[in-house]
Amino acid sequence: MAWTRKHLLDIESLAAEEIVTVLDTARAFKAVGERAIKKVPALRGRTIVNLFVEPSTRTRISFELAEQRLSADIINFSTEASSFKKGETLKDTARNLEALNADFIVIRHSASGAPHFLSRVLQAGVINAGDGAHEHPTQALLDAFTIREHKGKIAGLNVTILGDILYSRVARSNIWALTKLGARVTLCGPSTLVPRTFEQLGCRVTYDVDEAIAGADIIHLLRIQHERQRQTMFPSIHEYAQLFGLNQARLARTRPDALIMHPGPINRGVEIDSEIADCGRSLILEQVTNGLAVRMAALFLLNGGKGPHEVTGD
């Protein structure tokens, strides 16, 4: 399916075929990353602004490296050294950046809907790098890519997402991506963080951790989103680790081919034991590697690329 979108704002609005186009194109870019010369001229002459109003490490670096690999010109916008500190609005900041002939703006913002707002007031393409507790589309795409690389498919797989679902943009984007691609998604965590309203998105909700992970092909762990919670949603971190953390005893009761994922940053000893995070069944570092290929693919397609055949030259 040819990609025709100007923006990447969420997974909810994407068709399954569009998601697959990104994943197939990312596979081609992952092969490019294994070459001696890793740069391609796909975005030469294009200017990309990385507008990270909310702190980020992995996502910001991944986008910046993807842009470099595609030969784009890059402007990294720091809110600490900007007129944001003086009260300038998001709209005025973005319009000033666009006046510098920016072609794309990659935005992370604490307000849900900020990328959608920019897409309505700017001519530049807008890529959502995470907006509040709403969505994080490229994280879901790299997660789907990683699952497909290891399992060969997504349709029919049992995926359990375990942790803070309520405040997690990663969870929402993954729910949309995985269900659209045919996976069976189970959500689990404290009842205060996993409301049954998520069943309306086509998921199964359970509060029994052992039952949730017993038949899972993929166990996707989420950290507690302390920065978004308005009140304490469980008694203590220690109790959370005891009741919902993935430890060796729980891992022993899972399928031997079940794989472990986590979007990071990891809270070792809370949602996951340290030795599990580093074990052979963990895909956590591979997710980071695959994020580069997926973000290259997304930028390439938003710039008018038609699909993987243009990357490989087939």
Protein backbone atom coordinates (compact mmCIF):
# COMPACT_ATOMS: atom_id res chain seq x y z
CA MET A 1 0.00 0.00 0.00
CA ALA A 2 1.43 3.40 -1.01
CA TRP A 3 1.93 5.85 1.84
CA THR A 4 0.13 9.14 1.26
CA ARG A 5 0.10 10.80 4.68
CA LYS A 6 1.79 14.11 5.44
CA HIS A 7 1.86 13.62 9.23
CA LEU A 8 2.37 10.75 11.68
CA LEU A 9 0.19 11.74 14.62
CA ASP A 10 -1.12 8.45 16.03
CA ILE A 11 -1.68 4.77 15.35
CA GLU A 12 -5.43 4.95 15.89
CA SER A 13 -6.04 6.58 12.49
CA LEU A 14 -3.72 4.26 10.53
CA ALA A 15 -4.99 1.30 8.52
CA ALA A 16 -3.33 -2.07 9.05
CA GLU A 17 -1.89 -1.85 5.52
CA GLU A 18 -0.22 1.48 6.34
CA ILE A 19 1.37 -0.01 9.45
CA VAL A 20 2.68 -2.94 7.40
CA THR A 21 4.15 -0.51 4.84
CA VAL A 22 6.15 1.18 7.61
CA LEU A 23 7.33 -2.18 8.96
CA ASP A 24 8.38 -3.43 5.51
CA THR A 25 10.22 -0.18 4.79
CA ALA A 26 11.93 -0.37 8.19
CA ARG A 27 13.22 -3.83 7.33
CA ALA A 28 14.90 -2.33 4.26
CA PHE A 29 16.42 0.45 6.35
CA LYS A 30 17.66 -2.03 8.95
CA ALA A 31 19.63 -3.68 6.14
CA VAL A 32 21.05 -0.26 5.21
CA GLY A 33 22.22 0.11 8.81
CA GLU A 34 24.28 -3.06 8.48
CA ARG A 35 26.32 -1.66 5.59
CA ALA A 36 29.77 -0.11 5.99
CA ILE A 37 28.34 3.22 4.78
CA LYS A 38 25.07 3.73 6.61
CA LYS A 39 23.94 7.09 5.19
CA VAL A 40 21.49 7.51 2.33
CA PRO A 41 20.54 10.80 0.61
CA ALA A 42 16.76 10.38 0.96
CA LEU A 43 16.25 13.62 2.96
CA ARG A 44 19.12 15.66 1.59
CA GLY A 45 18.08 19.32 1.48
CA ARG A 46 15.24 18.76 3.98
CA THR A 47 15.25 20.52 7.35
CA ILE A 48 13.90 18.75 10.42
CA VAL A 49 13.25 20.41 13.77
CA ASN A 50 13.33 18.21 16.86
CA LEU A 51 10.96 20.08 19.20
CA PHE A 52 11.20 18.19 22.49
CA VAL A 53 9.23 20.21 25.01
CA GLU A 54 9.19 17.20 27.37
CA PRO A 55 12.42 15.44 28.44
CA SER A 56 13.58 12.47 26.37
CA THR A 57 16.76 10.47 25.86
CA ARG A 58 16.16 7.36 23.74
CA THR A 59 13.49 8.81 21.44
CA ARG A 60 15.29 12.10 20.83
CA ILE A 61 18.63 10.45 20.08
CA SER A 62 16.95 7.83 17.89
CA PHE A 63 15.17 10.48 15.81
CA GLU A 64 18.32 12.59 15.51
CA LEU A 65 20.40 9.63 14.35
CA ALA A 66 17.67 8.56 11.90
CA GLU A 67 17.66 12.08 10.44
CA GLN A 68 21.45 12.07 10.14
CA ARG A 69 21.39 8.70 8.38
CA LEU A 70 18.88 10.14 5.89
CA SER A 71 21.17 13.18 5.28
CA ALA A 72 18.70 15.78 6.59
CA ASP A 73 19.63 19.15 8.08
CA ILE A 74 18.74 19.09 11.78
CA ILE A 75 17.73 21.74 14.30
CA ASN A 76 17.49 20.56 17.91
CA PHE A 77 15.18 22.81 19.91
CA SER A 78 15.84 23.08 23.65
CA THR A 79 13.03 24.53 25.72
CA GLU A 80 15.48 25.38 28.50
CA ALA A 81 17.21 27.90 26.21
CA SER A 82 14.15 29.15 24.36
CA SER A 83 11.36 31.71 24.51
CA PHE A 84 9.15 28.99 26.02
CA LYS A 85 10.66 30.14 29.30
CA LYS A 86 9.38 33.64 28.52
CA GLY A 87 5.83 32.53 27.89
CA GLU A 88 5.83 32.07 24.12
CA THR A 89 3.01 29.80 22.94
CA LEU A 90 3.55 26.48 21.19
CA LYS A 91 1.83 27.87 18.09
CA ASP A 92 4.11 30.91 17.89
CA THR A 93 7.24 28.86 18.52
CA ALA A 94 6.31 26.37 15.81
CA ARG A 95 5.41 29.09 13.32
CA ASN A 96 8.76 30.77 13.90
CA LEU A 97 10.51 27.48 13.26
CA GLU A 98 8.46 26.98 10.12
CA ALA A 99 9.47 30.47 8.98
CA LEU A 100 13.02 29.09 8.91
CA ASN A 101 11.79 26.71 6.19
CA ALA A 102 11.48 23.62 8.36
CA ASP A 103 10.02 20.72 6.37
CA PHE A 104 9.24 18.47 9.34
CA ILE A 105 8.74 19.02 13.06
CA VAL A 106 9.23 16.09 15.42
CA ILE A 107 7.44 17.01 18.64
CA ARG A 108 7.29 15.56 22.14
CA HIS A 109 4.97 17.42 24.47
CA SER A 110 3.33 16.81 27.84
CA ALA A 111 -0.06 17.95 26.49
CA SER A 112 -2.13 15.30 24.74
CA GLY A 113 -3.08 16.50 21.26
CA ALA A 114 -0.19 18.97 20.83
CA PRO A 115 1.03 17.30 17.57
CA HIS A 116 -2.52 17.26 16.18
CA PHE A 117 -2.83 20.97 16.98
CA LEU A 118 0.42 21.77 15.14
CA SER A 119 -0.66 19.74 12.12
CA ARG A 120 -3.66 22.06 11.76
CA VAL A 121 -1.71 25.34 11.92
CA LEU A 122 1.53 24.48 10.07
CA GLN A 123 2.45 23.57 6.52
CA ALA A 124 5.35 21.40 7.73
CA GLY A 125 4.89 17.69 8.33
CA VAL A 126 4.42 16.80 12.00
CA ILE A 127 5.66 13.61 13.67
CA ASN A 128 4.39 12.74 17.15
CA ALA A 129 7.25 11.63 19.39
CA GLY A 130 4.91 11.26 22.37
CA ASP A 131 2.08 13.50 23.55
CA GLY A 132 1.08 13.32 27.19
CA ALA A 133 -0.69 10.08 28.04
CA HIS A 134 -2.22 9.89 24.54
CA GLU A 135 0.02 8.13 21.99
CA HIS A 136 3.62 7.35 21.02
CA PRO A 137 3.25 6.02 17.47
CA THR A 138 6.87 5.30 16.56
CA GLN A 139 7.33 3.29 19.77
CA ALA A 140 4.39 1.07 18.82
CA LEU A 141 5.75 0.69 15.29
CA LEU A 142 9.19 -0.35 16.53
CA ASP A 143 7.59 -2.76 19.00
CA ALA A 144 5.49 -4.33 16.24
CA PHE A 145 8.58 -4.51 14.02
CA THR A 146 10.57 -6.25 16.77
CA ILE A 147 7.79 -8.78 17.40
CA ARG A 148 7.44 -9.57 13.71
CA GLU A 149 11.21 -10.00 13.29
CA HIS A 150 11.27 -12.65 16.03
CA LYS A 151 7.92 -14.37 15.61
CA GLY A 152 7.54 -13.97 11.85
CA LYS A 153 4.03 -12.59 12.27
CA ILE A 154 1.79 -10.66 14.62
CA ALA A 155 -1.64 -12.07 13.75
CA GLY A 156 -2.72 -14.70 16.25
CA LEU A 157 -0.06 -13.92 18.86
CA ASN A 158 -0.94 -13.47 22.53
CA VAL A 159 0.57 -10.21 23.78
CA THR A 160 0.30 -9.23 27.43
CA ILE A 161 0.95 -5.59 28.36
CA LEU A 162 1.69 -5.41 32.07
CA GLY A 163 1.91 -2.30 34.23
CA ASP A 164 0.67 1.28 34.20
CA ILE A 165 -1.81 1.21 31.31
CA LEU A 166 -3.88 4.22 32.35
CA TYR A 167 -1.14 6.82 31.99
CA SER A 168 0.88 5.11 29.26
CA ARG A 169 0.94 6.50 25.72
CA VAL A 170 3.04 3.48 24.74
CA ALA A 171 0.23 1.16 25.86
CA ARG A 172 -2.41 3.03 23.86
CA SER A 173 -0.36 3.05 20.66
CA ASN A 174 0.57 -0.61 21.07
CA ILE A 175 -3.05 -1.60 21.66
CA TRP A 176 -4.07 0.07 18.40
CA ALA A 177 -1.15 -1.36 16.41
CA LEU A 178 -1.31 -4.92 17.71
CA THR A 179 -5.07 -5.32 17.49
CA LYS A 180 -5.11 -3.88 13.95
CA LEU A 181 -2.48 -6.46 12.99
CA GLY A 182 -4.46 -9.35 14.49
CA ALA A 183 -2.83 -9.97 17.88
CA ARG A 184 -4.82 -10.85 21.00
CA VAL A 185 -3.95 -8.24 23.63
CA THR A 186 -4.30 -8.77 27.37
CA LEU A 187 -3.83 -5.90 29.83
CA CYS A 188 -2.82 -6.47 33.43
CA GLY A 189 -1.81 -4.37 36.40
CA PRO A 190 -3.33 -2.81 39.51
CA SER A 191 -7.06 -2.18 39.03
CA THR A 192 -6.45 1.53 39.64
CA LEU A 193 -4.15 1.59 36.59
CA VAL A 194 -6.03 -0.81 34.29
CA PRO A 195 -9.67 0.31 34.07
CA ARG A 196 -12.03 -2.02 32.25
CA THR A 197 -12.86 0.76 29.81
CA PHE A 198 -9.84 -0.46 27.82
CA GLU A 199 -11.91 -3.49 26.84
CA GLN A 200 -13.69 -1.14 24.44
CA LEU A 201 -10.47 -1.08 22.41
CA GLY A 202 -10.66 -4.83 21.84
CA CYS A 203 -8.44 -5.92 24.73
CA ARG A 204 -8.91 -8.37 27.55
CA VAL A 205 -8.39 -7.02 31.08
CA THR A 206 -7.29 -9.17 34.01
CA TYR A 207 -5.77 -8.47 37.41
CA ASP A 208 -4.22 -11.93 37.81
CA VAL A 209 -0.58 -11.61 36.74
CA ASP A 210 0.18 -15.31 36.55
CA GLU A 211 -2.89 -15.94 34.41
CA ALA A 212 -2.04 -12.95 32.18
CA ILE A 213 1.48 -14.12 31.36
CA ALA A 214 0.91 -17.90 31.33
CA GLY A 215 0.04 -18.21 27.65
CA ALA A 216 1.70 -15.04 26.38
CA ASP A 217 3.99 -15.05 23.36
CA ILE A 218 5.13 -11.52 24.24
CA ILE A 219 5.24 -9.93 27.70
CA HIS A 220 5.45 -6.17 27.30
CA LEU A 221 6.30 -4.42 30.55
CA LEU A 222 5.61 -0.77 31.35
CA ARG A 223 7.13 1.40 34.03
CA ILE A 224 5.05 3.38 36.49
CA GLN A 225 4.36 6.83 35.02
CA HIS A 226 4.98 8.80 38.22
CA GLU A 227 5.25 12.07 36.30
CA ARG A 228 1.67 11.78 35.02
CA GLN A 229 -0.10 10.47 38.10
CA ARG A 230 -2.13 12.96 40.05
CA GLN A 231 -2.35 10.72 43.10
CA THR A 232 -0.81 7.54 44.44
CA MET A 233 -2.43 4.64 42.60
CA PHE A 234 -1.00 1.84 44.76
CA PRO A 235 0.41 1.59 48.32
CA SER A 236 4.14 1.39 47.53
CA ILE A 237 6.75 0.54 44.92
CA HIS A 238 7.70 -2.52 46.99
CA GLU A 239 4.13 -3.80 46.93
CA TYR A 240 3.88 -3.17 43.19
CA ALA A 241 7.05 -5.21 42.62
CA GLN A 242 5.73 -8.03 44.79
CA LEU A 243 2.31 -8.18 43.14
CA PHE A 244 3.05 -7.25 39.51
CA GLY A 245 6.81 -7.30 38.92
CA LEU A 246 8.28 -9.89 36.55
CA ASN A 247 10.62 -11.97 38.70
CA GLN A 248 12.31 -15.32 38.18
CA ALA A 249 9.51 -17.28 39.84
CA ARG A 250 6.91 -15.75 37.54
CA LEU A 251 9.12 -16.10 34.46
CA ALA A 252 9.50 -19.81 35.20
CA ARG A 253 5.74 -20.23 34.78
CA THR A 254 5.66 -18.64 31.32
CA ARG A 255 6.10 -20.31 27.94
CA PRO A 256 9.80 -21.03 27.25
CA ASP A 257 9.62 -19.07 23.99
CA ALA A 258 7.84 -16.04 25.48
CA LEU A 259 9.85 -12.88 24.83
CA ILE A 260 10.23 -9.85 27.11
CA MET A 261 9.87 -6.24 25.96
CA HIS A 262 10.05 -2.84 27.65
CA PRO A 263 10.05 0.67 26.10
CA GLY A 264 12.42 2.04 28.74
CA PRO A 265 13.59 3.51 30.94
CA ILE A 266 13.66 0.35 33.03
CA ASN A 267 13.13 0.46 36.77
CA ARG A 268 15.19 -2.59 37.69
CA GLY A 269 13.74 -4.46 40.62
CA VAL A 270 10.34 -2.84 40.20
CA GLU A 271 8.55 -3.93 37.01
CA ILE A 272 11.36 -6.33 36.06
CA ASP A 273 14.19 -8.11 37.84
CA SER A 274 17.61 -7.03 36.66
CA GLU A 275 18.70 -10.47 35.49
CA ILE A 276 15.54 -10.87 33.38
CA ALA A 277 16.14 -7.52 31.69
CA ASP A 278 19.55 -8.82 30.58
CA CYS A 279 18.61 -12.41 29.74
CA GLY A 280 18.47 -14.04 26.31
CA ARG A 281 14.68 -13.73 26.12
CA SER A 282 14.82 -9.95 26.54
CA LEU A 283 14.38 -7.81 23.41
CA ILE A 284 14.84 -4.49 25.21
CA LEU A 285 18.10 -3.41 23.56
CA GLU A 286 16.93 -4.75 20.21
CA GLN A 287 13.90 -2.48 20.49
CA VAL A 288 16.29 0.47 20.68
CA THR A 289 18.19 -0.72 17.60
CA ASN A 290 14.97 -1.28 15.66
CA GLY A 291 13.69 2.16 16.63
CA LEU A 292 16.33 3.71 14.39
CA ALA A 293 15.18 1.75 11.32
CA VAL A 294 11.50 2.42 12.04
CA ARG A 295 12.02 6.18 12.43
CA MET A 296 14.07 6.26 9.23
CA ALA A 297 11.20 4.48 7.50
CA ALA A 298 8.58 6.88 8.89
CA LEU A 299 10.53 9.98 7.84
CA PHE A 300 11.25 8.49 4.40
CA LEU A 301 7.57 7.72 3.78
CA LEU A 302 6.36 11.10 5.04
CA ASN A 303 8.81 12.71 2.63
CA GLY A 304 7.11 10.99 -0.30
CA GLY A 305 8.85 7.62 -0.33
CA LYS A 306 6.60 4.90 -1.72
CA GLY A 307 7.85 1.84 0.14
CA PRO A 308 10.69 -0.63 0.69
CA HIS A 309 11.39 -1.14 -3.02
CA GLU A 310 12.66 2.45 -3.22
CA VAL A 311 15.14 1.78 -0.42
CA THR A 312 16.51 -1.45 -1.86
CA GLY A 313 16.35 -0.35 -5.48
CA ASP A 314 14.32 -3.43 -6.47
